[in-house]
Amino acid sequence: MANAKELSEKMKEYELVFKIKAGDNGKTFGSVTSKDIAEQLNKKYFVEVDKKKICLDDAIKTLGVYNIEIKLFEGISGFIKVSVIAE
């Protein structure tokens, strides 16, 4: 549990950047899913989380910056910044 609190603090510094194809009107071709976020989190920061613990109602289909909640332990959540930019 102490590790979860520590990790939630560290996560405030984390940022994941996803490049996806987008048309001139800002419409994206593709999306960012909780699975994509879990994989990048593991690759970049060596943090393994179950994709089901990532609070994402639906896949991200628009460009922008998102603050995504990740449930680490009962009552403990961390937030990471996810930027979705045009490729």
PDB file of N, CA and C in Angstrom:
ATOM      1  N   MET A   1       0.819  -1.198   0.000  1.00  0.00           N
ATOM      2  CA  MET A   1       0.000   0.000   0.000  1.00  0.00           C
ATOM      3  C   MET A   1       0.861   1.259   0.000  1.00  0.00           C
ATOM      4  N   ALA A   2       1.954   1.241   0.742  1.00  0.00           N
ATOM      5  CA  ALA A   2       2.861   2.386   0.751  1.00  0.00           C
ATOM      6  C   ALA A   2       3.433   2.602  -0.640  1.00  0.00           C
ATOM      7  N   ASN A   3       3.711   1.490  -1.338  1.00  0.00           N
ATOM      8  CA  ASN A   3       4.213   1.595  -2.708  1.00  0.00           C
ATOM      9  C   ASN A   3       3.190   2.242  -3.623  1.00  0.00           C
ATOM     10  N   ALA A   4       1.924   1.943  -3.423  1.00  0.00           N
ATOM     11  CA  ALA A   4       0.858   2.523  -4.246  1.00  0.00           C
ATOM     12  C   ALA A   4       0.789   4.033  -4.039  1.00  0.00           C
ATOM     13  N   LYS A   5       0.925   4.484  -2.790  1.00  0.00           N
ATOM     14  CA  LYS A   5       0.906   5.928  -2.501  1.00  0.00           C
ATOM     15  C   LYS A   5       2.107   6.602  -3.145  1.00  0.00           C
ATOM     16  N   GLU A   6       3.268   5.955  -3.036  1.00  0.00           N
ATOM     17  CA  GLU A   6       4.494   6.468  -3.634  1.00  0.00           C
ATOM     18  C   GLU A   6       4.344   6.581  -5.150  1.00  0.00           C
ATOM     19  N   LEU A   7       3.802   5.542  -5.754  1.00  0.00           N
ATOM     20  CA  LEU A   7       3.610   5.505  -7.202  1.00  0.00           C
ATOM     21  C   LEU A   7       2.613   6.572  -7.649  1.00  0.00           C
ATOM     22  N   SER A   8       1.550   6.781  -6.876  1.00  0.00           N
ATOM     23  CA  SER A   8       0.564   7.801  -7.250  1.00  0.00           C
ATOM     24  C   SER A   8       1.197   9.188  -7.267  1.00  0.00           C
ATOM     25  N   GLU A   9       2.148   9.433  -6.368  1.00  0.00           N
ATOM     26  CA  GLU A   9       2.873  10.713  -6.355  1.00  0.00           C
ATOM     27  C   GLU A   9       3.783  10.835  -7.579  1.00  0.00           C
ATOM     28  N   LYS A  10       4.503   9.757  -7.897  1.00  0.00           N
ATOM     29  CA  LYS A  10       5.405   9.760  -9.056  1.00  0.00           C
ATOM     30  C   LYS A  10       4.646   9.967 -10.360  1.00  0.00           C
ATOM     31  N   MET A  11       3.441   9.405 -10.429  1.00  0.00           N
ATOM     32  CA  MET A  11       2.650   9.463 -11.662  1.00  0.00           C
ATOM     33  C   MET A  11       2.300  10.887 -12.073  1.00  0.00           C
ATOM     34  N   LYS A  12       2.286  11.803 -11.116  1.00  0.00           N
ATOM     35  CA  LYS A  12       1.982  13.202 -11.438  1.00  0.00           C
ATOM     36  C   LYS A  12       2.991  13.759 -12.440  1.00  0.00           C
ATOM     37  N   GLU A  13       4.182  13.186 -12.460  1.00  0.00           N
ATOM     38  CA  GLU A  13       5.252  13.634 -13.353  1.00  0.00           C
ATOM     39  C   GLU A  13       5.193  12.947 -14.721  1.00  0.00           C
ATOM     40  N   TYR A  14       4.458  11.861 -14.810  1.00  0.00           N
ATOM     41  CA  TYR A  14       4.454  11.045 -16.022  1.00  0.00           C
ATOM     42  C   TYR A  14       3.633  11.689 -17.139  1.00  0.00           C
ATOM     43  N   GLU A  15       4.154  11.564 -18.353  1.00  0.00           N
ATOM     44  CA  GLU A  15       3.398  12.005 -19.525  1.00  0.00           C
ATOM     45  C   GLU A  15       3.612  11.008 -20.646  1.00  0.00           C
ATOM     46  N   LEU A  16       2.536  10.581 -21.243  1.00  0.00           N
ATOM     47  CA  LEU A  16       2.599   9.690 -22.398  1.00  0.00           C
ATOM     48  C   LEU A  16       2.118  10.468 -23.609  1.00  0.00           C
ATOM     49  N   VAL A  17       2.849  10.351 -24.713  1.00  0.00           N
ATOM     50  CA  VAL A  17       2.475  11.048 -25.941  1.00  0.00           C
ATOM     51  C   VAL A  17       2.145  10.013 -27.005  1.00  0.00           C
ATOM     52  N   PHE A  18       0.985  10.152 -27.585  1.00  0.00           N
ATOM     53  CA  PHE A  18       0.552   9.257 -28.659  1.00  0.00           C
ATOM     54  C   PHE A  18       0.385  10.081 -29.925  1.00  0.00           C
ATOM     55  N   LYS A  19       0.985   9.606 -31.010  1.00  0.00           N
ATOM     56  CA  LYS A  19       0.839  10.273 -32.306  1.00  0.00           C
ATOM     57  C   LYS A  19      -0.117   9.441 -33.145  1.00  0.00           C
ATOM     58  N   ILE A  20      -1.212  10.066 -33.557  1.00  0.00           N
ATOM     59  CA  ILE A  20      -2.150   9.354 -34.420  1.00  0.00           C
ATOM     60  C   ILE A  20      -2.456  10.213 -35.645  1.00  0.00           C
ATOM     61  N   LYS A  21      -2.809   9.546 -36.710  1.00  0.00           N
ATOM     62  CA  LYS A  21      -3.120  10.257 -37.945  1.00  0.00           C
ATOM     63  C   LYS A  21      -4.404  11.058 -37.764  1.00  0.00           C
ATOM     64  N   ALA A  22      -4.369  12.282 -38.292  1.00  0.00           N
ATOM     65  CA  ALA A  22      -5.551  13.139 -38.202  1.00  0.00           C
ATOM     66  C   ALA A  22      -5.728  13.887 -39.519  1.00  0.00           C
ATOM     67  N   GLY A  23      -6.967  14.113 -39.893  1.00  0.00           N
ATOM     68  CA  GLY A  23      -7.276  14.855 -41.105  1.00  0.00           C
ATOM     69  C   GLY A  23      -7.186  16.352 -40.850  1.00  0.00           C
ATOM     70  N   ASP A  24      -7.379  17.127 -41.896  1.00  0.00           N
ATOM     71  CA  ASP A  24      -7.306  18.590 -41.793  1.00  0.00           C
ATOM     72  C   ASP A  24      -8.335  19.159 -40.818  1.00  0.00           C
ATOM     73  N   ASN A  25      -9.465  18.499 -40.725  1.00  0.00           N
ATOM     74  CA  ASN A  25     -10.530  18.988 -39.848  1.00  0.00           C
ATOM     75  C   ASN A  25     -10.362  18.526 -38.397  1.00  0.00           C
ATOM     76  N   GLY A  26      -9.243  17.882 -38.082  1.00  0.00           N
ATOM     77  CA  GLY A  26      -8.984  17.426 -36.715  1.00  0.00           C
ATOM     78  C   GLY A  26      -9.557  16.048 -36.419  1.00  0.00           C
ATOM     79  N   LYS A  27     -10.250  15.463 -37.382  1.00  0.00           N
ATOM     80  CA  LYS A  27     -10.798  14.115 -37.191  1.00  0.00           C
ATOM     81  C   LYS A  27      -9.646  13.120 -37.215  1.00  0.00           C
ATOM     82  N   THR A  28      -9.642  12.240 -36.241  1.00  0.00           N
ATOM     83  CA  THR A  28      -8.539  11.277 -36.149  1.00  0.00           C
ATOM     84  C   THR A  28      -8.889   9.971 -36.848  1.00  0.00           C
ATOM     85  N   PHE A  29      -7.851   9.317 -37.309  1.00  0.00           N
ATOM     86  CA  PHE A  29      -7.989   7.995 -37.916  1.00  0.00           C
ATOM     87  C   PHE A  29      -7.354   7.013 -36.936  1.00  0.00           C
ATOM     88  N   GLY A  30      -8.169   6.508 -36.045  1.00  0.00           N
ATOM     89  CA  GLY A  30      -7.652   5.636 -34.997  1.00  0.00           C
ATOM     90  C   GLY A  30      -7.987   6.226 -33.645  1.00  0.00           C
ATOM     91  N   SER A  31      -7.527   5.559 -32.595  1.00  0.00           N
ATOM     92  CA  SER A  31      -7.827   6.020 -31.244  1.00  0.00           C
ATOM     93  C   SER A  31      -6.772   5.509 -30.277  1.00  0.00           C
ATOM     94  N   VAL A  32      -6.823   6.019 -29.058  1.00  0.00           N
ATOM     95  CA  VAL A  32      -5.936   5.568 -27.990  1.00  0.00           C
ATOM     96  C   VAL A  32      -6.809   4.841 -26.976  1.00  0.00           C
ATOM     97  N   THR A  33      -6.464   3.593 -26.692  1.00  0.00           N
ATOM     98  CA  THR A  33      -7.258   2.774 -25.778  1.00  0.00           C
ATOM     99  C   THR A  33      -6.531   2.588 -24.448  1.00  0.00           C
ATOM    100  N   SER A  34      -7.240   2.025 -23.481  1.00  0.00           N
ATOM    101  CA  SER A  34      -6.614   1.751 -22.181  1.00  0.00           C
ATOM    102  C   SER A  34      -5.473   0.744 -22.353  1.00  0.00           C
ATOM    103  N   LYS A  35      -5.608  -0.156 -23.324  1.00  0.00           N
ATOM    104  CA  LYS A  35      -4.537  -1.125 -23.597  1.00  0.00           C
ATOM    105  C   LYS A  35      -3.275  -0.391 -24.073  1.00  0.00           C
ATOM    106  N   ASP A  36      -3.447   0.599 -24.960  1.00  0.00           N
ATOM    107  CA  ASP A  36      -2.315   1.393 -25.456  1.00  0.00           C
ATOM    108  C   ASP A  36      -1.631   2.124 -24.300  1.00  0.00           C
ATOM    109  N   ILE A  37      -2.431   2.692 -23.418  1.00  0.00           N
ATOM    110  CA  ILE A  37      -1.885   3.438 -22.280  1.00  0.00           C
ATOM    111  C   ILE A  37      -1.107   2.497 -21.358  1.00  0.00           C
ATOM    112  N   ALA A  38      -1.670   1.317 -21.067  1.00  0.00           N
ATOM    113  CA  ALA A  38      -0.997   0.336 -20.204  1.00  0.00           C
ATOM    114  C   ALA A  38       0.334  -0.095 -20.815  1.00  0.00           C
ATOM    115  N   GLU A  39       0.358  -0.338 -22.133  1.00  0.00           N
ATOM    116  CA  GLU A  39       1.592  -0.767 -22.806  1.00  0.00           C
ATOM    117  C   GLU A  39       2.654   0.323 -22.766  1.00  0.00           C
ATOM    118  N   GLN A  40       2.268   1.572 -23.046  1.00  0.00           N
ATOM    119  CA  GLN A  40       3.231   2.677 -23.031  1.00  0.00           C
ATOM    120  C   GLN A  40       3.761   2.943 -21.627  1.00  0.00           C
ATOM    121  N   LEU A  41       2.884   2.829 -20.634  1.00  0.00           N
ATOM    122  CA  LEU A  41       3.283   3.041 -19.243  1.00  0.00           C
ATOM    123  C   LEU A  41       4.352   2.024 -18.849  1.00  0.00           C
ATOM    124  N   ASN A  42       4.174   0.793 -19.302  1.00  0.00           N
ATOM    125  CA  ASN A  42       5.143  -0.265 -19.021  1.00  0.00           C
ATOM    126  C   ASN A  42       6.458  -0.016 -19.766  1.00  0.00           C
ATOM    127  N   LYS A  43       6.371   0.352 -21.043  1.00  0.00           N
ATOM    128  CA  LYS A  43       7.576   0.587 -21.850  1.00  0.00           C
ATOM    129  C   LYS A  43       8.390   1.772 -21.363  1.00  0.00           C
ATOM    130  N   LYS A  44       7.703   2.875 -21.090  1.00  0.00           N
ATOM    131  CA  LYS A  44       8.401   4.119 -20.767  1.00  0.00           C
ATOM    132  C   LYS A  44       8.806   4.222 -19.297  1.00  0.00           C
ATOM    133  N   TYR A  45       7.938   3.785 -18.389  1.00  0.00           N
ATOM    134  CA  TYR A  45       8.199   3.971 -16.955  1.00  0.00           C
ATOM    135  C   TYR A  45       8.326   2.665 -16.180  1.00  0.00           C
ATOM    136  N   PHE A  46       8.238   1.530 -16.874  1.00  0.00           N
ATOM    137  CA  PHE A  46       8.344   0.211 -16.248  1.00  0.00           C
ATOM    138  C   PHE A  46       7.313   0.012 -15.140  1.00  0.00           C
ATOM    139  N   VAL A  47       6.106   0.535 -15.371  1.00  0.00           N
ATOM    140  CA  VAL A  47       5.006   0.391 -14.426  1.00  0.00           C
ATOM    141  C   VAL A  47       3.969  -0.504 -15.077  1.00  0.00           C
ATOM    142  N   GLU A  48       3.676  -1.620 -14.424  1.00  0.00           N
ATOM    143  CA  GLU A  48       2.683  -2.540 -14.975  1.00  0.00           C
ATOM    144  C   GLU A  48       1.346  -2.311 -14.299  1.00  0.00           C
ATOM    145  N   VAL A  49       0.348  -1.978 -15.114  1.00  0.00           N
ATOM    146  CA  VAL A  49      -1.014  -1.849 -14.592  1.00  0.00           C
ATOM    147  C   VAL A  49      -1.956  -2.616 -15.512  1.00  0.00           C
ATOM    148  N   ASP A  50      -2.974  -3.161 -14.921  1.00  0.00           N
ATOM    149  CA  ASP A  50      -3.996  -3.868 -15.687  1.00  0.00           C
ATOM    150  C   ASP A  50      -4.803  -2.813 -16.444  1.00  0.00           C
ATOM    151  N   LYS A  51      -5.060  -3.061 -17.717  1.00  0.00           N
ATOM    152  CA  LYS A  51      -5.797  -2.079 -18.516  1.00  0.00           C
ATOM    153  C   LYS A  51      -7.180  -1.795 -17.933  1.00  0.00           C
ATOM    154  N   LYS A  52      -7.706  -2.739 -17.164  1.00  0.00           N
ATOM    155  CA  LYS A  52      -9.027  -2.542 -16.539  1.00  0.00           C
ATOM    156  C   LYS A  52      -8.971  -1.516 -15.406  1.00  0.00           C
ATOM    157  N   LYS A  53      -7.771  -1.230 -14.912  1.00  0.00           N
ATOM    158  CA  LYS A  53      -7.609  -0.266 -13.822  1.00  0.00           C
ATOM    159  C   LYS A  53      -7.483   1.165 -14.345  1.00  0.00           C
ATOM    160  N   ILE A  54      -7.398   1.305 -15.671  1.00  0.00           N
ATOM    161  CA  ILE A  54      -7.287   2.628 -16.283  1.00  0.00           C
ATOM    162  C   ILE A  54      -8.701   3.147 -16.530  1.00  0.00           C
ATOM    163  N   CYS A  55      -9.027   4.270 -15.925  1.00  0.00           N
ATOM    164  CA  CYS A  55     -10.390   4.816 -15.997  1.00  0.00           C
ATOM    165  C   CYS A  55     -10.583   5.595 -17.294  1.00  0.00           C
ATOM    166  N   LEU A  56     -11.020   4.875 -18.289  1.00  0.00           N
ATOM    167  CA  LEU A  56     -11.253   5.457 -19.606  1.00  0.00           C
ATOM    168  C   LEU A  56     -12.611   4.939 -20.065  1.00  0.00           C
ATOM    169  N   ASP A  57     -13.587   5.824 -20.114  1.00  0.00           N
ATOM    170  CA  ASP A  57     -14.942   5.402 -20.492  1.00  0.00           C
ATOM    171  C   ASP A  57     -14.975   4.847 -21.913  1.00  0.00           C
ATOM    172  N   ASP A  58     -14.256   5.532 -22.791  1.00  0.00           N
ATOM    173  CA  ASP A  58     -14.229   5.144 -24.192  1.00  0.00           C
ATOM    174  C   ASP A  58     -12.846   5.477 -24.724  1.00  0.00           C
ATOM    175  N   ALA A  59     -12.487   4.914 -25.848  1.00  0.00           N
ATOM    176  CA  ALA A  59     -11.188   5.208 -26.448  1.00  0.00           C
ATOM    177  C   ALA A  59     -11.102   6.704 -26.766  1.00  0.00           C
ATOM    178  N   ILE A  60      -9.896   7.270 -26.676  1.00  0.00           N
ATOM    179  CA  ILE A  60      -9.687   8.687 -26.978  1.00  0.00           C
ATOM    180  C   ILE A  60      -9.610   8.833 -28.496  1.00  0.00           C
ATOM    181  N   LYS A  61     -10.509   9.630 -29.053  1.00  0.00           N
ATOM    182  CA  LYS A  61     -10.587   9.768 -30.508  1.00  0.00           C
ATOM    183  C   LYS A  61     -10.369  11.196 -30.982  1.00  0.00           C
ATOM    184  N   THR A  62      -9.980  12.085 -30.062  1.00  0.00           N
ATOM    185  CA  THR A  62      -9.727  13.468 -30.462  1.00  0.00           C
ATOM    186  C   THR A  62      -8.362  13.913 -29.944  1.00  0.00           C
ATOM    187  N   LEU A  63      -7.766  14.844 -30.655  1.00  0.00           N
ATOM    188  CA  LEU A  63      -6.459  15.366 -30.256  1.00  0.00           C
ATOM    189  C   LEU A  63      -6.634  16.189 -28.992  1.00  0.00           C
ATOM    190  N   GLY A  64      -5.581  16.232 -28.176  1.00  0.00           N
ATOM    191  CA  GLY A  64      -5.643  17.028 -26.958  1.00  0.00           C
ATOM    192  C   GLY A  64      -4.843  16.408 -25.829  1.00  0.00           C
ATOM    193  N   VAL A  65      -4.957  17.011 -24.657  1.00  0.00           N
ATOM    194  CA  VAL A  65      -4.256  16.545 -23.460  1.00  0.00           C
ATOM    195  C   VAL A  65      -5.310  16.073 -22.461  1.00  0.00           C
ATOM    196  N   TYR A  66      -5.086  14.905 -21.926  1.00  0.00           N
ATOM    197  CA  TYR A  66      -6.057  14.288 -21.015  1.00  0.00           C
ATOM    198  C   TYR A  66      -5.376  13.918 -19.706  1.00  0.00           C
ATOM    199  N   ASN A  67      -6.112  14.050 -18.615  1.00  0.00           N
ATOM    200  CA  ASN A  67      -5.638  13.625 -17.304  1.00  0.00           C
ATOM    201  C   ASN A  67      -6.361  12.311 -17.005  1.00  0.00           C
ATOM    202  N   ILE A  68      -5.649  11.204 -17.045  1.00  0.00           N
ATOM    203  CA  ILE A  68      -6.263   9.888 -16.937  1.00  0.00           C
ATOM    204  C   ILE A  68      -6.015   9.294 -15.547  1.00  0.00           C
ATOM    205  N   GLU A  69      -7.093   8.810 -14.937  1.00  0.00           N
ATOM    206  CA  GLU A  69      -7.002   8.188 -13.611  1.00  0.00           C
ATOM    207  C   GLU A  69      -6.664   6.713 -13.747  1.00  0.00           C
ATOM    208  N   ILE A  70      -5.756   6.255 -12.888  1.00  0.00           N
ATOM    209  CA  ILE A  70      -5.400   4.838 -12.841  1.00  0.00           C
ATOM    210  C   ILE A  70      -5.564   4.367 -11.403  1.00  0.00           C
ATOM    211  N   LYS A  71      -6.386   3.359 -11.211  1.00  0.00           N
ATOM    212  CA  LYS A  71      -6.618   2.816  -9.858  1.00  0.00           C
ATOM    213  C   LYS A  71      -5.453   1.888  -9.514  1.00  0.00           C
ATOM    214  N   LEU A  72      -4.731   2.242  -8.459  1.00  0.00           N
ATOM    215  CA  LEU A  72      -3.543   1.478  -8.074  1.00  0.00           C
ATOM    216  C   LEU A  72      -3.840   0.476  -6.959  1.00  0.00           C
ATOM    217  N   PHE A  73      -4.687   0.886  -6.056  1.00  0.00           N
ATOM    218  CA  PHE A  73      -4.994   0.088  -4.874  1.00  0.00           C
ATOM    219  C   PHE A  73      -6.344   0.580  -4.379  1.00  0.00           C
ATOM    220  N   GLU A  74      -7.021  -0.166  -3.564  1.00  0.00           N
ATOM    221  CA  GLU A  74      -8.322   0.286  -3.081  1.00  0.00           C
ATOM    222  C   GLU A  74      -8.183   1.644  -2.398  1.00  0.00           C
ATOM    223  N   GLY A  75      -8.859   2.648  -2.938  1.00  0.00           N
ATOM    224  CA  GLY A  75      -8.814   3.988  -2.359  1.00  0.00           C
ATOM    225  C   GLY A  75      -7.629   4.824  -2.795  1.00  0.00           C
ATOM    226  N   ILE A  76      -6.736   4.267  -3.602  1.00  0.00           N
ATOM    227  CA  ILE A  76      -5.558   5.015  -4.053  1.00  0.00           C
ATOM    228  C   ILE A  76      -5.526   5.027  -5.582  1.00  0.00           C
ATOM    229  N   SER A  77      -5.521   6.237  -6.129  1.00  0.00           N
ATOM    230  CA  SER A  77      -5.451   6.387  -7.578  1.00  0.00           C
ATOM    231  C   SER A  77      -4.306   7.312  -7.936  1.00  0.00           C
ATOM    232  N   GLY A  78      -3.782   7.126  -9.128  1.00  0.00           N
ATOM    233  CA  GLY A  78      -2.774   8.018  -9.664  1.00  0.00           C
ATOM    234  C   GLY A  78      -3.320   8.638 -10.938  1.00  0.00           C
ATOM    235  N   PHE A  79      -2.786   9.769 -11.315  1.00  0.00           N
ATOM    236  CA  PHE A  79      -3.211  10.421 -12.553  1.00  0.00           C
ATOM    237  C   PHE A  79      -1.990  10.635 -13.437  1.00  0.00           C
ATOM    238  N   ILE A  80      -2.153  10.332 -14.724  1.00  0.00           N
ATOM    239  CA  ILE A  80      -1.072  10.596 -15.673  1.00  0.00           C
ATOM    240  C   ILE A  80      -1.604  11.489 -16.781  1.00  0.00           C
ATOM    241  N   LYS A  81      -0.680  12.233 -17.374  1.00  0.00           N
ATOM    242  CA  LYS A  81      -1.032  13.112 -18.480  1.00  0.00           C
ATOM    243  C   LYS A  81      -0.847  12.341 -19.769  1.00  0.00           C
ATOM    244  N   VAL A  82      -1.871  12.334 -20.599  1.00  0.00           N
ATOM    245  CA  VAL A  82      -1.810  11.669 -21.900  1.00  0.00           C
ATOM    246  C   VAL A  82      -2.047  12.727 -22.970  1.00  0.00           C
ATOM    247  N   SER A  83      -1.049  12.921 -23.835  1.00  0.00           N
ATOM    248  CA  SER A  83      -1.179  13.873 -24.937  1.00  0.00           C
ATOM    249  C   SER A  83      -1.404  13.106 -26.223  1.00  0.00           C
ATOM    250  N   VAL A  84      -2.427  13.500 -26.959  1.00  0.00           N
ATOM    251  CA  VAL A  84      -2.710  12.876 -28.248  1.00  0.00           C
ATOM    252  C   VAL A  84      -2.478  13.957 -29.299  1.00  0.00           C
ATOM    253  N   ILE A  85      -1.477  13.728 -30.145  1.00  0.00           N
ATOM    254  CA  ILE A  85      -1.103  14.722 -31.151  1.00  0.00           C
ATOM    255  C   ILE A  85      -1.177  14.118 -32.550  1.00  0.00           C
ATOM    256  N   ALA A  86      -1.276  15.010 -33.546  1.00  0.00           N
ATOM    257  CA  ALA A  86      -1.345  14.554 -34.938  1.00  0.00           C
ATOM    258  C   ALA A  86       0.019  14.055 -35.390  1.00  0.00           C
ATOM    259  N   GLU A  87       0.008  12.994 -36.147  1.00  0.00           N
ATOM    260  CA  GLU A  87       1.243  12.378 -36.652  1.00  0.00           C
ATOM    261  C   GLU A  87       1.816  13.189 -37.793  1.00  0.00           C
TER     262      GLU A  87
END
